[in-house]
C-alpha atoms as a PDB file:
ATOM      1  CA  MET A   1      98.388  35.089  98.583  1.00  0.00           C
ATOM      2  CA  PRO A   2      98.564  32.860  95.489  1.00  0.00           C
ATOM      3  CA  PRO A   3     101.810  32.970  93.497  1.00  0.00           C
ATOM      4  CA  LYS A   4     101.994  35.470  90.655  1.00  0.00           C
ATOM      5  CA  PRO A   5     101.380  33.762  87.287  1.00  0.00           C
ATOM      6  CA  ARG A   6     104.617  33.134  85.426  1.00  0.00           C
ATOM      7  CA  PHE A   7     103.009  33.955  82.087  1.00  0.00           C
ATOM      8  CA  THR A   8     100.157  36.287  81.219  1.00  0.00           C
ATOM      9  CA  ARG A   9      97.305  35.320  78.907  1.00  0.00           C
ATOM     10  CA  GLU A  10      98.746  37.652  76.280  1.00  0.00           C
ATOM     11  CA  GLU A  11     102.152  35.960  76.458  1.00  0.00           C
ATOM     12  CA  MET A  12     100.551  32.542  76.074  1.00  0.00           C
ATOM     13  CA  VAL A  13      98.531  33.703  73.069  1.00  0.00           C
ATOM     14  CA  GLU A  14     101.675  35.157  71.490  1.00  0.00           C
ATOM     15  CA  ALA A  15     103.528  31.887  72.102  1.00  0.00           C
ATOM     16  CA  GLY A  16     100.586  29.982  70.607  1.00  0.00           C
ATOM     17  CA  LEU A  17     100.601  32.256  67.562  1.00  0.00           C
ATOM     18  CA  GLU A  18     104.308  31.609  67.014  1.00  0.00           C
ATOM     19  CA  LEU A  19     103.748  27.870  67.442  1.00  0.00           C
ATOM     20  CA  VAL A  20     101.080  27.875  64.730  1.00  0.00           C
ATOM     21  CA  ARG A  21     103.268  30.067  62.532  1.00  0.00           C
ATOM     22  CA  GLN A  22     106.104  27.544  62.716  1.00  0.00           C
ATOM     23  CA  LYS A  23     104.310  24.198  62.847  1.00  0.00           C
ATOM     24  CA  GLY A  24     100.668  24.710  61.855  1.00  0.00           C
ATOM     25  CA  ALA A  25      97.393  24.839  63.768  1.00  0.00           C
ATOM     26  CA  GLU A  26      97.463  21.110  64.571  1.00  0.00           C
ATOM     27  CA  ALA A  27     100.577  21.724  66.719  1.00  0.00           C
ATOM     28  CA  LEU A  28      98.666  23.985  69.100  1.00  0.00           C
ATOM     29  CA  THR A  29      98.230  21.505  71.944  1.00  0.00           C
ATOM     30  CA  ALA A  30      98.723  21.946  75.680  1.00  0.00           C
ATOM     31  CA  ARG A  31     101.847  19.782  75.619  1.00  0.00           C
ATOM     32  CA  GLU A  32     103.451  21.609  72.673  1.00  0.00           C
ATOM     33  CA  LEU A  33     102.659  25.029  74.120  1.00  0.00           C
ATOM     34  CA  ALA A  34     103.965  24.033  77.539  1.00  0.00           C
ATOM     35  CA  ASP A  35     107.225  22.927  75.916  1.00  0.00           C
ATOM     36  CA  VAL A  36     107.535  26.279  74.163  1.00  0.00           C
ATOM     37  CA  LEU A  37     106.874  28.156  77.400  1.00  0.00           C
ATOM     38  CA  GLY A  38     109.174  25.874  79.400  1.00  0.00           C
ATOM     39  CA  CYS A  39     106.556  24.992  81.985  1.00  0.00           C
ATOM     40  CA  SER A  40     103.908  22.405  82.737  1.00  0.00           C
ATOM     41  CA  ALA A  41     100.429  22.561  81.224  1.00  0.00           C
ATOM     42  CA  ARG A  42      98.962  23.751  84.525  1.00  0.00           C
ATOM     43  CA  PRO A  43      99.519  27.517  83.983  1.00  0.00           C
ATOM     44  CA  ILE A  44      97.746  27.225  80.625  1.00  0.00           C
ATOM     45  CA  PHE A  45      94.595  25.816  82.211  1.00  0.00           C
ATOM     46  CA  THR A  46      94.806  28.374  84.991  1.00  0.00           C
ATOM     47  CA  ALA A  47      94.715  31.218  82.458  1.00  0.00           C
ATOM     48  CA  PHE A  48      92.254  29.565  80.057  1.00  0.00           C
ATOM     49  CA  GLU A  49      89.209  27.440  80.688  1.00  0.00           C
ATOM     50  CA  ASN A  50      90.309  24.951  78.042  1.00  0.00           C
ATOM     51  CA  MET A  51      92.391  24.663  74.872  1.00  0.00           C
ATOM     52  CA  GLU A  52      89.405  25.648  72.745  1.00  0.00           C
ATOM     53  CA  GLU A  53      89.363  29.061  74.422  1.00  0.00           C
ATOM     54  CA  LEU A  54      93.099  29.456  73.859  1.00  0.00           C
ATOM     55  CA  ARG A  55      92.809  28.444  70.197  1.00  0.00           C
ATOM     56  CA  GLY A  56      90.054  31.015  69.778  1.00  0.00           C
ATOM     57  CA  GLU A  57      92.284  33.760  71.162  1.00  0.00           C
ATOM     58  CA  VAL A  58      95.190  32.701  68.938  1.00  0.00           C
ATOM     59  CA  LYS A  59      92.881  32.808  65.926  1.00  0.00           C
ATOM     60  CA  LYS A  60      91.753  36.320  66.921  1.00  0.00           C
ATOM     61  CA  ALA A  61      95.399  37.377  67.087  1.00  0.00           C
ATOM     62  CA  ALA A  62      95.966  35.956  63.595  1.00  0.00           C
ATOM     63  CA  HIS A  63      92.901  37.844  62.337  1.00  0.00           C
ATOM     64  CA  LYS A  64      94.381  41.039  63.753  1.00  0.00           C
ATOM     65  CA  LEU A  65      97.620  40.417  61.852  1.00  0.00           C
ATOM     66  CA  ILE A  66      95.895  39.947  58.499  1.00  0.00           C
ATOM     67  CA  SER A  67      93.728  43.008  59.199  1.00  0.00           C
ATOM     68  CA  ASN A  68      96.896  45.023  59.740  1.00  0.00           C
ATOM     69  CA  TYR A  69      98.143  43.849  56.346  1.00  0.00           C
ATOM     70  CA  ALA A  70      94.892  44.872  54.649  1.00  0.00           C
ATOM     71  CA  ASN A  71      94.647  48.202  56.473  1.00  0.00           C
ATOM     72  CA  GLU A  72      98.040  49.249  55.098  1.00  0.00           C
ATOM     73  CA  ALA A  73      96.276  49.498  51.742  1.00  0.00           C
ATOM     74  CA  MET A  74      94.346  52.576  52.867  1.00  0.00           C
ATOM     75  CA  GLU A  75      97.525  54.586  52.265  1.00  0.00           C
ATOM     76  CA  TYR A  76      97.531  53.636  48.568  1.00  0.00           C
ATOM     77  CA  ASP A  77      95.464  54.616  45.549  1.00  0.00           C
ATOM     78  CA  PRO A  78      93.452  52.636  44.699  1.00  0.00           C
ATOM     79  CA  PRO A  79      93.331  51.069  48.177  1.00  0.00           C
ATOM     80  CA  PHE A  80      91.041  48.217  47.200  1.00  0.00           C
ATOM     81  CA  LYS A  81      93.473  46.564  44.789  1.00  0.00           C
ATOM     82  CA  LYS A  82      96.335  47.006  47.225  1.00  0.00           C
ATOM     83  CA  ALA A  83      94.259  45.361  49.968  1.00  0.00           C
ATOM     84  CA  GLY A  84      93.881  42.263  47.798  1.00  0.00           C
ATOM     85  CA  MET A  85      97.600  42.194  47.128  1.00  0.00           C
ATOM     86  CA  GLN A  86      98.295  42.539  50.858  1.00  0.00           C
ATOM     87  CA  ILE A  87      96.060  39.591  51.728  1.00  0.00           C
ATOM     88  CA  ILE A  88      97.819  37.437  49.119  1.00  0.00           C
ATOM     89  CA  LEU A  89     101.152  38.619  50.541  1.00  0.00           C
ATOM     90  CA  PHE A  90     100.011  37.504  54.003  1.00  0.00           C
ATOM     91  CA  ALA A  91      99.091  34.067  52.614  1.00  0.00           C
ATOM     92  CA  SER A  92     102.564  33.792  51.063  1.00  0.00           C
ATOM     93  CA  ARG A  93     104.469  34.985  54.138  1.00  0.00           C
ATOM     94  CA  GLU A  94     102.303  33.382  56.823  1.00  0.00           C
ATOM     95  CA  PRO A  95     100.838  30.230  55.209  1.00  0.00           C
ATOM     96  CA  ASN A  96     100.109  28.446  58.483  1.00  0.00           C
ATOM     97  CA  LEU A  97      98.306  31.439  59.970  1.00  0.00           C
ATOM     98  CA  PHE A  98      96.344  31.898  56.737  1.00  0.00           C
ATOM     99  CA  LYS A  99      95.332  28.238  56.805  1.00  0.00           C
ATOM    100  CA  MET A 100      94.191  28.525  60.410  1.00  0.00           C
ATOM    101  CA  ILE A 101      92.020  31.556  59.590  1.00  0.00           C
ATOM    102  CA  PHE A 102      90.566  30.506  56.249  1.00  0.00           C
ATOM    103  CA  MET A 103      91.211  26.827  55.637  1.00  0.00           C
ATOM    104  CA  SER A 104      90.280  25.071  58.872  1.00  0.00           C
ATOM    105  CA  SER A 105      87.198  22.876  58.665  1.00  0.00           C
ATOM    106  CA  SER A 106      84.048  23.963  60.467  1.00  0.00           C
ATOM    107  CA  ASP A 107      81.590  21.784  62.331  1.00  0.00           C
ATOM    108  CA  LYS A 108      78.858  22.393  59.767  1.00  0.00           C
ATOM    109  CA  PRO A 109      78.487  24.175  56.437  1.00  0.00           C
ATOM    110  CA  THR A 110      77.203  27.710  56.570  1.00  0.00           C
ATOM    111  CA  SER A 111      76.047  30.352  54.118  1.00  0.00           C
ATOM    112  CA  PHE A 112      78.453  32.461  52.107  1.00  0.00           C
ATOM    113  CA  ASP A 113      76.996  35.614  53.681  1.00  0.00           C
ATOM    114  CA  GLU A 114      77.938  34.373  57.151  1.00  0.00           C
ATOM    115  CA  VAL A 115      81.433  33.368  56.079  1.00  0.00           C
ATOM    116  CA  PHE A 116      81.991  36.649  54.237  1.00  0.00           C
ATOM    117  CA  SER A 117      80.819  38.765  57.181  1.00  0.00           C
ATOM    118  CA  ALA A 118      82.921  36.768  59.637  1.00  0.00           C
ATOM    119  CA  HIS A 119      86.113  37.292  57.643  1.00  0.00           C
ATOM    120  CA  THR A 120      85.664  40.856  56.414  1.00  0.00           C
ATOM    121  CA  GLY A 121      84.151  42.405  59.544  1.00  0.00           C
ATOM    122  CA  ASN A 122      83.614  46.151  59.719  1.00  0.00           C
ATOM    123  CA  ASN A 123      85.855  47.212  56.862  1.00  0.00           C
ATOM    124  CA  LYS A 124      85.678  50.415  54.830  1.00  0.00           C
ATOM    125  CA  PHE A 125      86.150  48.923  51.383  1.00  0.00           C
ATOM    126  CA  GLU A 126      82.494  48.804  50.369  1.00  0.00           C
ATOM    127  CA  GLU A 127      82.229  52.517  51.160  1.00  0.00           C
ATOM    128  CA  VAL A 128      85.489  53.213  49.298  1.00  0.00           C
ATOM    129  CA  ILE A 129      84.270  51.346  46.200  1.00  0.00           C
ATOM    130  CA  SER A 130      80.861  53.011  46.322  1.00  0.00           C
ATOM    131  CA  LYS A 131      82.322  56.523  46.438  1.00  0.00           C
ATOM    132  CA  ALA A 132      85.190  55.969  44.008  1.00  0.00           C
ATOM    133  CA  TYR A 133      83.073  54.370  41.276  1.00  0.00           C
ATOM    134  CA  SER A 134      79.648  55.953  41.939  1.00  0.00           C
ATOM    135  CA  LEU A 135      77.983  52.658  42.806  1.00  0.00           C
ATOM    136  CA  SER A 136      75.071  51.971  45.103  1.00  0.00           C
ATOM    137  CA  SER A 137      75.833  50.175  48.372  1.00  0.00           C
ATOM    138  CA  LYS A 138      74.377  46.935  46.953  1.00  0.00           C
ATOM    139  CA  GLU A 139      76.459  47.208  43.784  1.00  0.00           C
ATOM    140  CA  ALA A 140      79.598  47.883  45.824  1.00  0.00           C
ATOM    141  CA  ARG A 141      78.829  44.909  48.040  1.00  0.00           C
ATOM    142  CA  TYR A 142      78.342  42.659  44.990  1.00  0.00           C
ATOM    143  CA  LEU A 143      81.676  43.739  43.516  1.00  0.00           C
ATOM    144  CA  PHE A 144      83.468  43.398  46.841  1.00  0.00           C
ATOM    145  CA  GLU A 145      82.115  39.875  47.411  1.00  0.00           C
ATOM    146  CA  HIS A 146      83.216  38.640  43.997  1.00  0.00           C
ATOM    147  CA  MET A 147      86.658  40.211  44.296  1.00  0.00           C
ATOM    148  CA  TRP A 148      87.035  38.647  47.745  1.00  0.00           C
ATOM    149  CA  ILE A 149      86.277  35.183  46.317  1.00  0.00           C
ATOM    150  CA  TYR A 150      88.787  35.720  43.512  1.00  0.00           C
ATOM    151  CA  THR A 151      91.456  37.013  45.894  1.00  0.00           C
ATOM    152  CA  TYR A 152      90.801  34.145  48.291  1.00  0.00           C
ATOM    153  CA  GLY A 153      91.418  31.634  45.484  1.00  0.00           C
ATOM    154  CA  ILE A 154      94.809  33.150  44.623  1.00  0.00           C
ATOM    155  CA  SER A 155      95.682  33.321  48.330  1.00  0.00           C
ATOM    156  CA  VAL A 156      94.987  29.612  48.776  1.00  0.00           C
ATOM    157  CA  LEU A 157      97.301  28.789  45.858  1.00  0.00           C
ATOM    158  CA  CYS A 158     100.041  30.842  47.530  1.00  0.00           C
ATOM    159  CA  ALA A 159      99.440  29.437  51.019  1.00  0.00           C
ATOM    160  CA  LEU A 160      99.746  25.913  49.626  1.00  0.00           C
ATOM    161  CA  ASN A 161     102.928  26.937  47.786  1.00  0.00           C
ATOM    162  CA  GLN A 162     101.309  26.002  44.462  1.00  0.00           C
ATOM    163  CA  CYS A 163     102.033  29.356  42.805  1.00  0.00           C
ATOM    164  CA  ASN A 164     104.263  32.357  43.289  1.00  0.00           C
ATOM    165  CA  PHE A 165     103.204  35.658  41.725  1.00  0.00           C
ATOM    166  CA  SER A 166     105.202  38.848  41.343  1.00  0.00           C
ATOM    167  CA  ASP A 167     103.688  42.177  42.382  1.00  0.00           C
ATOM    168  CA  ALA A 168     103.256  43.067  38.712  1.00  0.00           C
ATOM    169  CA  GLU A 169     101.419  39.801  38.011  1.00  0.00           C
ATOM    170  CA  LEU A 170      99.134  40.260  41.015  1.00  0.00           C
ATOM    171  CA  SER A 171      98.416  43.863  40.081  1.00  0.00           C
ATOM    172  CA  ASN A 172      97.436  42.752  36.576  1.00  0.00           C
ATOM    173  CA  LEU A 173      95.330  39.803  37.740  1.00  0.00           C
ATOM    174  CA  LEU A 174      93.376  41.812  40.299  1.00  0.00           C
ATOM    175  CA  GLY A 175      93.105  44.841  38.027  1.00  0.00           C
ATOM    176  CA  VAL A 176      91.637  42.889  35.097  1.00  0.00           C
ATOM    177  CA  GLU A 177      89.187  41.047  37.355  1.00  0.00           C
ATOM    178  CA  PHE A 178      88.089  44.255  39.075  1.00  0.00           C
ATOM    179  CA  LEU A 179      87.555  46.176  35.823  1.00  0.00           C
ATOM    180  CA  SER A 180      85.638  43.246  34.327  1.00  0.00           C
ATOM    181  CA  LEU A 181      83.346  43.088  37.354  1.00  0.00           C
ATOM    182  CA  LEU A 182      82.949  46.855  37.385  1.00  0.00           C
ATOM    183  CA  ASP A 183      81.879  46.803  33.736  1.00  0.00           C
ATOM    184  CA  TYR A 184      79.439  43.984  34.486  1.00  0.00           C
ATOM    185  CA  VAL A 185      77.943  45.823  37.460  1.00  0.00           C
ATOM    186  CA  ARG A 186      77.522  49.046  35.506  1.00  0.00           C
ATOM    187  CA  ASN A 187      75.872  47.352  32.549  1.00  0.00           C
ATOM    188  CA  ASN A 188      73.512  45.010  34.363  1.00  0.00           C
ATOM    189  CA  ASN A 189      70.748  45.528  36.875  1.00  0.00           C
ATOM    190  CA  ILE A 190      72.580  44.013  39.823  1.00  0.00           C
ATOM    191  CA  GLU A 191      70.064  45.245  42.374  1.00  0.00           C
ATOM    192  CA  LYS A 192      67.283  43.380  40.579  1.00  0.00           C
ATOM    193  CA  GLN A 193      69.399  40.232  40.446  1.00  0.00           C
ATOM    194  CA  LEU A 194      69.903  40.477  44.186  1.00  0.00           C
ATOM    195  CA  GLU A 195      66.128  40.282  44.649  1.00  0.00           C
ATOM    196  CA  LEU A 196      66.298  36.597  43.672  1.00  0.00           C
ATOM    197  CA  PRO A 197      65.649  33.994  46.436  1.00  0.00           C
ATOM    198  CA  GLU A 198      68.249  33.787  49.189  1.00  0.00           C
ATOM    199  CA  ARG A 199      71.408  31.838  48.549  1.00  0.00           C
ATOM    200  CA  VAL A 200      71.251  28.200  49.562  1.00  0.00           C
ATOM    201  CA  LYS A 201      72.521  27.832  53.106  1.00  0.00           C
ATOM    202  CA  ASN A 202      72.978  24.071  53.281  1.00  0.00           C
END
């Protein structure tokens, strides 16, 4: 009978997450992780096919953390603004994890739609916006996309330690942007605009 693994996959992913949290995504190597675990690199490659698989699982764990931050907003009114504030809070508290999720380079450029879907997943915010402000699903999607871009920009500033905003400042920034977009959506034929040719993908 083969010896029982000293560490589970979950424990290795958690150790990898902590390593990225402390030192950044570039520190997630077999040697660094083995040092953290206090073992050789062999158990890592027994549990995972390669480091790319392990990095993927660590990134998934980081995604789960930021989703937990955003989901806390569902207890607030309005939840959408609070969700934006929570994501910015995550960028401020966990800059290295934020960078790994949102600021790592990809092999090739992709469309905004693909990036947006990959990062937002199956969230409820489009439905929340649609019901709360009597918007069509396309109008809610338009507003959500533009708020996400705006929130992402502030989050990057915080993750890079370029700016530090108070809760009151963030509430005002996001509130003004949201109300401006809402007014624009309500007073323009957004659905017709969305019938324009597809966004450039390259």
